[in-house]
Amino acid sequence: GVFIEALSRGLRVPEDLAICGFGNADFSAHMVPSITTVHVDGPEIGRLAARLIVQRCKGEAVAQPVIDVGFRMIERQTTGG
């Protein structure tokens, strides 16, 4: 994606362009430079989404339409971390 395109244009990461991914994919830690990313609890998001879908299918009111599951920044080399 952006990382490959930046390199093809002669841009230096992170000196010329900082890159931050989302989801903390396994490869992000093994790239050179390693990619800064945002980690979220995917399984927890899935559980909560399924519960809300079941509630809606049953015609129940959804008490909390917005749920913050939080996140964690994992700073690596593509942002100078």
PDB file of N, CA and C in Angstrom:
ATOM      1  N   GLY A   1       0.805  -1.185   0.000  1.00  0.00           N
ATOM      2  CA  GLY A   1       0.000   0.000   0.000  1.00  0.00           C
ATOM      3  C   GLY A   1       0.854   1.256   0.000  1.00  0.00           C
ATOM      4  N   VAL A   2       0.609   2.096   0.965  1.00  0.00           N
ATOM      5  CA  VAL A   2       1.281   3.390   1.076  1.00  0.00           C
ATOM      6  C   VAL A   2       2.782   3.209   1.223  1.00  0.00           C
ATOM      7  N   PHE A   3       3.183   2.219   1.991  1.00  0.00           N
ATOM      8  CA  PHE A   3       4.606   1.984   2.240  1.00  0.00           C
ATOM      9  C   PHE A   3       5.347   1.710   0.927  1.00  0.00           C
ATOM     10  N   ILE A   4       4.830   0.806   0.124  1.00  0.00           N
ATOM     11  CA  ILE A   4       5.454   0.451  -1.156  1.00  0.00           C
ATOM     12  C   ILE A   4       5.439   1.644  -2.101  1.00  0.00           C
ATOM     13  N   GLU A   5       4.318   2.369  -2.141  1.00  0.00           N
ATOM     14  CA  GLU A   5       4.211   3.541  -3.019  1.00  0.00           C
ATOM     15  C   GLU A   5       5.211   4.616  -2.614  1.00  0.00           C
ATOM     16  N   ALA A   6       5.362   4.843  -1.327  1.00  0.00           N
ATOM     17  CA  ALA A   6       6.330   5.837  -0.853  1.00  0.00           C
ATOM     18  C   ALA A   6       7.735   5.471  -1.307  1.00  0.00           C
ATOM     19  N   LEU A   7       8.098   4.209  -1.145  1.00  0.00           N
ATOM     20  CA  LEU A   7       9.427   3.768  -1.566  1.00  0.00           C
ATOM     21  C   LEU A   7       9.612   3.917  -3.066  1.00  0.00           C
ATOM     22  N   SER A   8       8.578   3.599  -3.842  1.00  0.00           N
ATOM     23  CA  SER A   8       8.692   3.699  -5.305  1.00  0.00           C
ATOM     24  C   SER A   8       8.862   5.142  -5.761  1.00  0.00           C
ATOM     25  N   ARG A   9       8.423   6.090  -4.945  1.00  0.00           N
ATOM     26  CA  ARG A   9       8.559   7.513  -5.279  1.00  0.00           C
ATOM     27  C   ARG A   9       9.809   8.130  -4.660  1.00  0.00           C
ATOM     28  N   GLY A  10      10.611   7.299  -4.025  1.00  0.00           N
ATOM     29  CA  GLY A  10      11.850   7.785  -3.434  1.00  0.00           C
ATOM     30  C   GLY A  10      11.670   8.492  -2.102  1.00  0.00           C
ATOM     31  N   LEU A  11      10.517   8.319  -1.482  1.00  0.00           N
ATOM     32  CA  LEU A  11      10.281   8.935  -0.178  1.00  0.00           C
ATOM     33  C   LEU A  11      10.864   8.055   0.918  1.00  0.00           C
ATOM     34  N   ARG A  12      11.437   8.696   1.915  1.00  0.00           N
ATOM     35  CA  ARG A  12      12.002   7.967   3.047  1.00  0.00           C
ATOM     36  C   ARG A  12      10.972   7.919   4.174  1.00  0.00           C
ATOM     37  N   VAL A  13      10.790   6.740   4.721  1.00  0.00           N
ATOM     38  CA  VAL A  13       9.860   6.545   5.827  1.00  0.00           C
ATOM     39  C   VAL A  13      10.695   6.305   7.082  1.00  0.00           C
ATOM     40  N   PRO A  14      10.557   7.080   8.142  1.00  0.00           N
ATOM     41  CA  PRO A  14       9.604   8.144   8.403  1.00  0.00           C
ATOM     42  C   PRO A  14      10.126   9.550   8.129  1.00  0.00           C
ATOM     43  N   GLU A  15      11.323   9.687   7.594  1.00  0.00           N
ATOM     44  CA  GLU A  15      11.909  11.018   7.434  1.00  0.00           C
ATOM     45  C   GLU A  15      11.052  11.943   6.567  1.00  0.00           C
ATOM     46  N   ASP A  16      10.523  11.427   5.448  1.00  0.00           N
ATOM     47  CA  ASP A  16       9.707  12.238   4.542  1.00  0.00           C
ATOM     48  C   ASP A  16       8.210  12.009   4.739  1.00  0.00           C
ATOM     49  N   LEU A  17       7.843  10.830   5.181  1.00  0.00           N
ATOM     50  CA  LEU A  17       6.434  10.465   5.317  1.00  0.00           C
ATOM     51  C   LEU A  17       6.271   9.495   6.484  1.00  0.00           C
ATOM     52  N   ALA A  18       5.426   9.861   7.438  1.00  0.00           N
ATOM     53  CA  ALA A  18       5.107   8.958   8.548  1.00  0.00           C
ATOM     54  C   ALA A  18       3.925   8.088   8.135  1.00  0.00           C
ATOM     55  N   ILE A  19       3.950   6.828   8.549  1.00  0.00           N
ATOM     56  CA  ILE A  19       2.875   5.892   8.206  1.00  0.00           C
ATOM     57  C   ILE A  19       2.379   5.223   9.484  1.00  0.00           C
ATOM     58  N   CYS A  20       1.049   5.158   9.612  1.00  0.00           N
ATOM     59  CA  CYS A  20       0.428   4.459  10.735  1.00  0.00           C
ATOM     60  C   CYS A  20      -0.663   3.558  10.188  1.00  0.00           C
ATOM     61  N   GLY A  21      -0.616   2.294  10.554  1.00  0.00           N
ATOM     62  CA  GLY A  21      -1.624   1.338  10.120  1.00  0.00           C
ATOM     63  C   GLY A  21      -2.698   1.153  11.174  1.00  0.00           C
ATOM     64  N   PHE A  22      -3.617   0.238  10.891  1.00  0.00           N
ATOM     65  CA  PHE A  22      -4.718  -0.050  11.813  1.00  0.00           C
ATOM     66  C   PHE A  22      -4.923  -1.555  11.868  1.00  0.00           C
ATOM     67  N   GLY A  23      -5.025  -2.088  13.063  1.00  0.00           N
ATOM     68  CA  GLY A  23      -5.330  -3.501  13.213  1.00  0.00           C
ATOM     69  C   GLY A  23      -4.172  -4.341  13.710  1.00  0.00           C
ATOM     70  N   ASN A  24      -2.971  -3.788  13.743  1.00  0.00           N
ATOM     71  CA  ASN A  24      -1.789  -4.493  14.243  1.00  0.00           C
ATOM     72  C   ASN A  24      -1.584  -5.851  13.579  1.00  0.00           C
ATOM     73  N   ALA A  25      -1.640  -5.866  12.257  1.00  0.00           N
ATOM     74  CA  ALA A  25      -1.389  -7.107  11.509  1.00  0.00           C
ATOM     75  C   ALA A  25       0.014  -7.618  11.822  1.00  0.00           C
ATOM     76  N   ASP A  26       0.180  -8.931  11.816  1.00  0.00           N
ATOM     77  CA  ASP A  26       1.461  -9.547  12.173  1.00  0.00           C
ATOM     78  C   ASP A  26       2.636  -8.981  11.387  1.00  0.00           C
ATOM     79  N   PHE A  27       2.433  -8.745  10.093  1.00  0.00           N
ATOM     80  CA  PHE A  27       3.548  -8.300   9.260  1.00  0.00           C
ATOM     81  C   PHE A  27       4.061  -6.920   9.655  1.00  0.00           C
ATOM     82  N   SER A  28       3.231  -6.101  10.315  1.00  0.00           N
ATOM     83  CA  SER A  28       3.636  -4.724  10.616  1.00  0.00           C
ATOM     84  C   SER A  28       4.872  -4.662  11.509  1.00  0.00           C
ATOM     85  N   ALA A  29       5.050  -5.631  12.371  1.00  0.00           N
ATOM     86  CA  ALA A  29       6.222  -5.658  13.247  1.00  0.00           C
ATOM     87  C   ALA A  29       7.465  -6.159  12.526  1.00  0.00           C
ATOM     88  N   HIS A  30       7.285  -6.840  11.395  1.00  0.00           N
ATOM     89  CA  HIS A  30       8.411  -7.463  10.704  1.00  0.00           C
ATOM     90  C   HIS A  30       8.882  -6.695   9.476  1.00  0.00           C
ATOM     91  N   MET A  31       8.168  -5.615   9.126  1.00  0.00           N
ATOM     92  CA  MET A  31       8.597  -4.787   7.997  1.00  0.00           C
ATOM     93  C   MET A  31       9.837  -4.005   8.413  1.00  0.00           C
ATOM     94  N   VAL A  32      10.581  -3.527   7.442  1.00  0.00           N
ATOM     95  CA  VAL A  32      11.732  -2.673   7.726  1.00  0.00           C
ATOM     96  C   VAL A  32      11.549  -1.389   6.938  1.00  0.00           C
ATOM     97  N   PRO A  33      11.290  -0.267   7.610  1.00  0.00           N
ATOM     98  CA  PRO A  33      11.100  -0.112   9.055  1.00  0.00           C
ATOM     99  C   PRO A  33       9.759  -0.691   9.507  1.00  0.00           C
ATOM    100  N   SER A  34       9.696  -1.058  10.785  1.00  0.00           N
ATOM    101  CA  SER A  34       8.458  -1.633  11.324  1.00  0.00           C
ATOM    102  C   SER A  34       7.367  -0.561  11.365  1.00  0.00           C
ATOM    103  N   ILE A  35       6.111  -0.986  11.152  1.00  0.00           N
ATOM    104  CA  ILE A  35       5.000  -0.057  10.966  1.00  0.00           C
ATOM    105  C   ILE A  35       4.267   0.220  12.282  1.00  0.00           C
ATOM    106  N   THR A  36       4.169   1.506  12.618  1.00  0.00           N
ATOM    107  CA  THR A  36       3.341   1.935  13.742  1.00  0.00           C
ATOM    108  C   THR A  36       1.904   1.557  13.423  1.00  0.00           C
ATOM    109  N   THR A  37       1.162   1.117  14.423  1.00  0.00           N
ATOM    110  CA  THR A  37      -0.210   0.692  14.167  1.00  0.00           C
ATOM    111  C   THR A  37      -1.102   0.932  15.377  1.00  0.00           C
ATOM    112  N   VAL A  38      -2.390   0.866  15.143  1.00  0.00           N
ATOM    113  CA  VAL A  38      -3.389   0.968  16.205  1.00  0.00           C
ATOM    114  C   VAL A  38      -3.935  -0.438  16.442  1.00  0.00           C
ATOM    115  N   HIS A  39      -3.865  -0.888  17.682  1.00  0.00           N
ATOM    116  CA  HIS A  39      -4.384  -2.213  18.038  1.00  0.00           C
ATOM    117  C   HIS A  39      -5.771  -2.054  18.646  1.00  0.00           C
ATOM    118  N   VAL A  40      -6.719  -2.848  18.161  1.00  0.00           N
ATOM    119  CA  VAL A  40      -8.061  -2.910  18.751  1.00  0.00           C
ATOM    120  C   VAL A  40      -8.378  -4.374  19.043  1.00  0.00           C
ATOM    121  N   ASP A  41      -9.285  -4.595  19.957  1.00  0.00           N
ATOM    122  CA  ASP A  41      -9.669  -5.958  20.335  1.00  0.00           C
ATOM    123  C   ASP A  41     -10.753  -6.451  19.377  1.00  0.00           C
ATOM    124  N   GLY A  42     -10.342  -7.017  18.258  1.00  0.00           N
ATOM    125  CA  GLY A  42     -11.262  -7.494  17.231  1.00  0.00           C
ATOM    126  C   GLY A  42     -12.284  -8.502  17.735  1.00  0.00           C
ATOM    127  N   PRO A  43     -11.867  -9.525  18.482  1.00  0.00           N
ATOM    128  CA  PRO A  43     -12.845 -10.491  18.993  1.00  0.00           C
ATOM    129  C   PRO A  43     -13.910  -9.842  19.885  1.00  0.00           C
ATOM    130  N   GLU A  44     -13.505  -8.881  20.701  1.00  0.00           N
ATOM    131  CA  GLU A  44     -14.479  -8.194  21.567  1.00  0.00           C
ATOM    132  C   GLU A  44     -15.451  -7.370  20.723  1.00  0.00           C
ATOM    133  N   ILE A  45     -14.956  -6.700  19.693  1.00  0.00           N
ATOM    134  CA  ILE A  45     -15.832  -5.948  18.789  1.00  0.00           C
ATOM    135  C   ILE A  45     -16.842  -6.897  18.147  1.00  0.00           C
ATOM    136  N   GLY A  46     -16.390  -8.070  17.729  1.00  0.00           N
ATOM    137  CA  GLY A  46     -17.279  -9.058  17.125  1.00  0.00           C
ATOM    138  C   GLY A  46     -18.357  -9.537  18.080  1.00  0.00           C
ATOM    139  N   ARG A  47     -17.967  -9.822  19.320  1.00  0.00           N
ATOM    140  CA  ARG A  47     -18.939 -10.269  20.328  1.00  0.00           C
ATOM    141  C   ARG A  47     -20.002  -9.199  20.583  1.00  0.00           C
ATOM    142  N   LEU A  48     -19.547  -7.963  20.746  1.00  0.00           N
ATOM    143  CA  LEU A  48     -20.492  -6.876  21.017  1.00  0.00           C
ATOM    144  C   LEU A  48     -21.415  -6.636  19.828  1.00  0.00           C
ATOM    145  N   ALA A  49     -20.863  -6.682  18.622  1.00  0.00           N
ATOM    146  CA  ALA A  49     -21.678  -6.483  17.418  1.00  0.00           C
ATOM    147  C   ALA A  49     -22.730  -7.584  17.297  1.00  0.00           C
ATOM    148  N   ALA A  50     -22.332  -8.828  17.546  1.00  0.00           N
ATOM    149  CA  ALA A  50     -23.280  -9.945  17.467  1.00  0.00           C
ATOM    150  C   ALA A  50     -24.405  -9.774  18.482  1.00  0.00           C
ATOM    151  N   ARG A  51     -24.044  -9.357  19.681  1.00  0.00           N
ATOM    152  CA  ARG A  51     -25.062  -9.150  20.715  1.00  0.00           C
ATOM    153  C   ARG A  51     -26.062  -8.071  20.290  1.00  0.00           C
ATOM    154  N   LEU A  52     -25.559  -6.969  19.722  1.00  0.00           N
ATOM    155  CA  LEU A  52     -26.447  -5.894  19.264  1.00  0.00           C
ATOM    156  C   LEU A  52     -27.346  -6.356  18.123  1.00  0.00           C
ATOM    157  N   ILE A  53     -26.802  -7.150  17.211  1.00  0.00           N
ATOM    158  CA  ILE A  53     -27.599  -7.666  16.089  1.00  0.00           C
ATOM    159  C   ILE A  53     -28.723  -8.563  16.603  1.00  0.00           C
ATOM    160  N   VAL A  54     -28.403  -9.440  17.548  1.00  0.00           N
ATOM    161  CA  VAL A  54     -29.423 -10.325  18.121  1.00  0.00           C
ATOM    162  C   VAL A  54     -30.506  -9.501  18.815  1.00  0.00           C
ATOM    163  N   GLN A  55     -30.103  -8.471  19.553  1.00  0.00           N
ATOM    164  CA  GLN A  55     -31.086  -7.606  20.216  1.00  0.00           C
ATOM    165  C   GLN A  55     -32.023  -6.964  19.193  1.00  0.00           C
ATOM    166  N   ARG A  56     -31.454  -6.455  18.112  1.00  0.00           N
ATOM    167  CA  ARG A  56     -32.276  -5.813  17.071  1.00  0.00           C
ATOM    168  C   ARG A  56     -33.209  -6.828  16.413  1.00  0.00           C
ATOM    169  N   CYS A  57     -32.710  -8.021  16.132  1.00  0.00           N
ATOM    170  CA  CYS A  57     -33.543  -9.060  15.506  1.00  0.00           C
ATOM    171  C   CYS A  57     -34.720  -9.445  16.401  1.00  0.00           C
ATOM    172  N   LYS A  58     -34.518  -9.390  17.704  1.00  0.00           N
ATOM    173  CA  LYS A  58     -35.587  -9.702  18.656  1.00  0.00           C
ATOM    174  C   LYS A  58     -36.522  -8.516  18.874  1.00  0.00           C
ATOM    175  N   GLY A  59     -36.202  -7.384  18.240  1.00  0.00           N
ATOM    176  CA  GLY A  59     -37.025  -6.190  18.410  1.00  0.00           C
ATOM    177  C   GLY A  59     -36.763  -5.445  19.700  1.00  0.00           C
ATOM    178  N   GLU A  60     -35.690  -5.793  20.372  1.00  0.00           N
ATOM    179  CA  GLU A  60     -35.351  -5.134  21.635  1.00  0.00           C
ATOM    180  C   GLU A  60     -34.680  -3.793  21.361  1.00  0.00           C
ATOM    181  N   ALA A  61     -34.875  -2.865  22.265  1.00  0.00           N
ATOM    182  CA  ALA A  61     -34.206  -1.566  22.158  1.00  0.00           C
ATOM    183  C   ALA A  61     -32.725  -1.753  22.483  1.00  0.00           C
ATOM    184  N   VAL A  62     -31.905  -1.046  21.759  1.00  0.00           N
ATOM    185  CA  VAL A  62     -30.464  -1.086  22.025  1.00  0.00           C
ATOM    186  C   VAL A  62     -30.152   0.042  22.994  1.00  0.00           C
ATOM    187  N   ALA A  63     -29.769  -0.333  24.201  1.00  0.00           N
ATOM    188  CA  ALA A  63     -29.555   0.647  25.266  1.00  0.00           C
ATOM    189  C   ALA A  63     -28.336   1.531  25.015  1.00  0.00           C
ATOM    190  N   GLN A  64     -27.322   0.973  24.411  1.00  0.00           N
ATOM    191  CA  GLN A  64     -26.070   1.705  24.220  1.00  0.00           C
ATOM    192  C   GLN A  64     -25.652   1.583  22.754  1.00  0.00           C
ATOM    193  N   PRO A  65     -26.102   2.513  21.886  1.00  0.00           N
ATOM    194  CA  PRO A  65     -25.812   2.383  20.458  1.00  0.00           C
ATOM    195  C   PRO A  65     -24.345   2.619  20.091  1.00  0.00           C
ATOM    196  N   VAL A  66     -23.610   3.320  20.953  1.00  0.00           N
ATOM    197  CA  VAL A  66     -22.184   3.555  20.704  1.00  0.00           C
ATOM    198  C   VAL A  66     -21.405   2.938  21.855  1.00  0.00           C
ATOM    199  N   ILE A  67     -20.468   2.067  21.508  1.00  0.00           N
ATOM    200  CA  ILE A  67     -19.671   1.385  22.528  1.00  0.00           C
ATOM    201  C   ILE A  67     -18.202   1.620  22.220  1.00  0.00           C
ATOM    202  N   ASP A  68     -17.484   2.135  23.195  1.00  0.00           N
ATOM    203  CA  ASP A  68     -16.055   2.395  23.034  1.00  0.00           C
ATOM    204  C   ASP A  68     -15.289   1.211  23.610  1.00  0.00           C
ATOM    205  N   VAL A  69     -14.621   0.457  22.740  1.00  0.00           N
ATOM    206  CA  VAL A  69     -13.846  -0.694  23.215  1.00  0.00           C
ATOM    207  C   VAL A  69     -12.386  -0.332  23.456  1.00  0.00           C
ATOM    208  N   GLY A  70     -12.042   0.912  23.162  1.00  0.00           N
ATOM    209  CA  GLY A  70     -10.679   1.367  23.390  1.00  0.00           C
ATOM    210  C   GLY A  70      -9.724   0.938  22.286  1.00  0.00           C
ATOM    211  N   PHE A  71      -8.499   1.376  22.409  1.00  0.00           N
ATOM    212  CA  PHE A  71      -7.458   1.049  21.445  1.00  0.00           C
ATOM    213  C   PHE A  71      -6.104   1.247  22.112  1.00  0.00           C
ATOM    214  N   ARG A  72      -5.069   0.781  21.457  1.00  0.00           N
ATOM    215  CA  ARG A  72      -3.707   0.982  21.953  1.00  0.00           C
ATOM    216  C   ARG A  72      -2.810   1.313  20.773  1.00  0.00           C
ATOM    217  N   MET A  73      -2.089   2.412  20.867  1.00  0.00           N
ATOM    218  CA  MET A  73      -1.116   2.763  19.830  1.00  0.00           C
ATOM    219  C   MET A  73       0.142   1.933  20.052  1.00  0.00           C
ATOM    220  N   ILE A  74       0.616   1.315  18.985  1.00  0.00           N
ATOM    221  CA  ILE A  74       1.866   0.571  19.050  1.00  0.00           C
ATOM    222  C   ILE A  74       2.857   1.332  18.179  1.00  0.00           C
ATOM    223  N   GLU A  75       3.674   2.150  18.836  1.00  0.00           N
ATOM    224  CA  GLU A  75       4.613   3.000  18.105  1.00  0.00           C
ATOM    225  C   GLU A  75       5.827   2.196  17.668  1.00  0.00           C
ATOM    226  N   ARG A  76       6.074   2.271  16.371  1.00  0.00           N
ATOM    227  CA  ARG A  76       7.232   1.595  15.799  1.00  0.00           C
ATOM    228  C   ARG A  76       8.004   2.599  14.950  1.00  0.00           C
ATOM    229  N   GLN A  77       8.767   2.123  14.019  1.00  0.00           N
ATOM    230  CA  GLN A  77       9.711   2.974  13.303  1.00  0.00           C
ATOM    231  C   GLN A  77       9.104   3.897  12.249  1.00  0.00           C
ATOM    232  N   THR A  78       7.927   3.604  11.705  1.00  0.00           N
ATOM    233  CA  THR A  78       7.401   4.423  10.608  1.00  0.00           C
ATOM    234  C   THR A  78       6.865   5.775  11.064  1.00  0.00           C
ATOM    235  N   THR A  79       6.839   6.006  12.373  1.00  0.00           N
ATOM    236  CA  THR A  79       6.474   7.324  12.880  1.00  0.00           C
ATOM    237  C   THR A  79       7.589   7.875  13.757  1.00  0.00           C
ATOM    238  N   GLY A  80       8.752   7.295  13.626  1.00  0.00           N
ATOM    239  CA  GLY A  80       9.888   7.748  14.405  1.00  0.00           C
ATOM    240  C   GLY A  80       9.934   7.171  15.810  1.00  0.00           C
ATOM    241  N   GLY A  81       9.005   6.229  16.110  1.00  0.00           N
ATOM    242  CA  GLY A  81       8.937   5.635  17.455  1.00  0.00           C
ATOM    243  C   GLY A  81       9.910   4.514  17.638  1.00  0.00           C
TER     244      GLY A  81
END
